[in-house]
Amino acid sequence: MKITDDYNAKYRLWAAKPTVVPAPAAPRLPDFKSKRFSSHAELNTWKLSALRRLAQLSPSK
């Protein structure tokens, strides 16, 4: 049987030579305080700014 005919061949190839790649250190998350919002628009604005801050903290390669 050829490897191209075997659907599970790639899993056997991956299992034969496992490579462990360490994950990069996660950035420390800022402390989120309890907060109330008067509308969904206000929540979404705050969420967008929080995600932008987290994106700037993340290590880029």
Protein backbone atom coordinates (compact mmCIF):
# COMPACT_ATOMS: atom_id res chain seq x y z
CA MET A 1 0.00 0.00 0.00
CA LYS A 2 1.32 3.46 -0.90
CA ILE A 3 1.38 6.18 1.71
CA THR A 4 -0.87 8.29 -0.51
CA ASP A 5 -3.57 5.62 -0.21
CA ASP A 6 -3.34 5.50 3.59
CA TYR A 7 -5.39 8.27 5.22
CA ASN A 8 -3.72 7.77 8.63
CA ALA A 9 -0.13 7.83 7.32
CA LYS A 10 0.48 11.45 8.32
CA TYR A 11 -0.47 10.68 11.92
CA ARG A 12 2.03 7.83 12.01
CA LEU A 13 4.70 10.08 10.51
CA TRP A 14 3.99 12.78 13.09
CA ALA A 15 4.00 10.24 15.93
CA ALA A 16 7.32 8.76 14.75
CA LYS A 17 9.19 12.08 15.16
CA PRO A 18 7.39 14.28 17.68
CA THR A 19 8.73 17.80 17.99
CA VAL A 20 7.92 19.83 21.06
CA VAL A 21 7.96 23.56 20.50
CA PRO A 22 7.85 25.66 23.66
CA ALA A 23 5.12 28.26 23.72
CA PRO A 24 6.20 31.87 24.22
CA ALA A 25 5.62 33.39 27.61
CA ALA A 26 2.18 34.94 27.81
CA PRO A 27 2.01 38.63 28.67
CA ARG A 28 0.76 39.54 32.11
CA LEU A 29 -2.85 40.55 31.88
CA PRO A 30 -3.81 43.86 33.43
CA ASP A 31 -6.12 43.76 36.42
CA PHE A 32 -9.68 44.16 35.26
CA LYS A 33 -11.90 45.89 37.77
CA SER A 34 -15.63 45.41 38.04
CA LYS A 35 -17.25 47.80 35.63
CA ARG A 36 -20.81 48.63 34.60
CA PHE A 37 -21.80 49.80 31.17
CA SER A 38 -24.89 51.77 30.22
CA SER A 39 -25.08 50.32 26.70
CA HIS A 40 -23.68 47.62 24.46
CA ALA A 41 -21.92 50.28 22.41
CA GLU A 42 -20.04 51.46 25.50
CA LEU A 43 -19.11 47.86 26.34
CA ASN A 44 -17.87 47.25 22.80
CA THR A 45 -15.79 50.43 22.86
CA TRP A 46 -14.15 49.41 26.13
CA LYS A 47 -13.62 45.86 24.87
CA LEU A 48 -11.94 47.12 21.68
CA SER A 49 -9.57 49.34 23.65
CA ALA A 50 -8.76 46.48 26.05
CA LEU A 51 -8.01 44.12 23.16
CA ARG A 52 -5.76 46.73 21.54
CA ARG A 53 -3.81 47.12 24.79
CA LEU A 54 -3.41 43.34 25.02
CA ALA A 55 -2.25 43.16 21.41
CA GLN A 56 0.44 45.74 22.14
CA LEU A 57 1.63 43.71 25.15
CA SER A 58 1.90 40.46 23.23
CA PRO A 59 5.35 39.53 21.92
CA SER A 60 5.44 39.71 18.15
CA LYS A 61 7.91 37.86 16.00
